Amino acid sequence: MGILDKFNDASRGVSEKAKSISEANNLKRKILYEEERIVEIFTDLGKKYYKNQMRIPRLLRSFVMISIPDAEGSRK
């Protein structure tokens, strides 16, 4: 029965290795999907910025005026 035990051990090892490779591939696939989502989000963000670029400086100016204190230390 020694040969059969060695065969069983070897088959378990191969099975575990195949399982770990499968899990690694699944993780790689999930990472690629998330990277694609990030690209899509940045693309949408860029489109919205480009579409509203005339409004953004006005919003930033109003934010800067509110949040930066003047020379006396009071906020406008």
Protein backbone atom coordinates (compact mmCIF):
# COMPACT_ATOMS: atom_id res chain seq x y z
CA MET A 1 0.00 0.00 0.00
CA GLY A 2 3.03 2.31 0.08
CA ILE A 3 2.73 3.17 -3.61
CA LEU A 4 -0.99 3.93 -3.26
CA ASP A 5 -0.30 6.27 -0.31
CA LYS A 6 2.37 8.10 -2.29
CA PHE A 7 -0.01 8.44 -5.21
CA ASN A 8 -2.76 9.81 -2.93
CA ASP A 9 -0.34 12.31 -1.36
CA ALA A 10 0.85 13.44 -4.78
CA SER A 11 -2.72 13.84 -6.04
CA ARG A 12 -3.63 15.90 -2.94
CA GLY A 13 -0.62 18.12 -3.54
CA VAL A 14 -1.58 18.66 -7.18
CA SER A 15 -5.17 19.36 -6.18
CA GLU A 16 -4.13 21.95 -3.57
CA LYS A 17 -1.77 23.61 -6.04
CA ALA A 18 -4.53 23.79 -8.66
CA LYS A 19 -6.89 25.30 -6.07
CA SER A 20 -4.36 27.97 -5.07
CA ILE A 21 -3.70 28.83 -8.72
CA SER A 22 -7.44 29.12 -9.31
CA GLU A 23 -7.83 31.44 -6.30
CA ALA A 24 -4.92 33.59 -7.50
CA ASN A 25 -6.48 33.87 -10.95
CA ASN A 26 -9.82 34.87 -9.44
CA LEU A 27 -8.11 37.59 -7.41
CA LYS A 28 -6.26 38.84 -10.50
CA ARG A 29 -9.54 38.98 -12.40
CA LYS A 30 -11.19 40.95 -9.59
CA ILE A 31 -8.26 43.40 -9.48
CA LEU A 32 -8.46 43.94 -13.24
CA TYR A 33 -12.20 44.59 -12.95
CA GLU A 34 -11.64 47.17 -10.19
CA GLU A 35 -8.88 48.85 -12.22
CA GLU A 36 -11.26 49.11 -15.18
CA ARG A 37 -13.89 50.65 -12.89
CA ILE A 38 -11.34 53.23 -11.68
CA VAL A 39 -10.58 54.18 -15.29
CA GLU A 40 -14.32 54.54 -15.99
CA ILE A 41 -14.80 56.72 -12.91
CA PHE A 42 -11.89 58.99 -13.84
CA THR A 43 -13.23 59.22 -17.39
CA ASP A 44 -16.64 60.28 -16.10
CA LEU A 45 -15.01 62.76 -13.75
CA GLY A 46 -13.00 64.24 -16.62
CA LYS A 47 -16.10 64.53 -18.80
CA LYS A 48 -18.00 66.29 -16.01
CA TYR A 49 -15.06 68.63 -15.37
CA TYR A 50 -14.75 69.46 -19.06
CA LYS A 51 -18.50 70.04 -19.36
CA ASN A 52 -18.58 72.32 -16.30
CA GLN A 53 -15.14 73.93 -16.53
CA MET A 54 -16.56 77.44 -16.73
CA ARG A 55 -18.48 76.95 -13.48
CA ILE A 56 -15.62 75.38 -11.53
CA PRO A 57 -13.37 78.48 -11.24
CA ARG A 58 -16.32 80.48 -9.88
CA LEU A 59 -17.02 77.79 -7.31
CA LEU A 60 -13.36 77.62 -6.33
CA ARG A 61 -13.12 81.40 -6.00
CA SER A 62 -16.14 81.47 -3.72
CA PHE A 63 -14.69 78.61 -1.65
CA VAL A 64 -11.30 80.31 -1.38
CA MET A 65 -12.89 83.59 -0.29
CA ILE A 66 -14.81 81.79 2.44
CA SER A 67 -12.04 79.57 3.76
CA ILE A 68 -8.91 81.79 3.65
CA PRO A 69 -8.59 84.29 6.50
CA ASP A 70 -7.66 87.86 5.67
CA ALA A 71 -4.70 89.76 7.13
CA GLU A 72 -6.54 90.42 10.43
CA GLY A 73 -7.30 86.74 10.93
CA SER A 74 -11.04 86.87 10.31
CA ARG A 75 -12.60 84.76 7.61
CA LYS A 76 -14.53 86.39 4.82
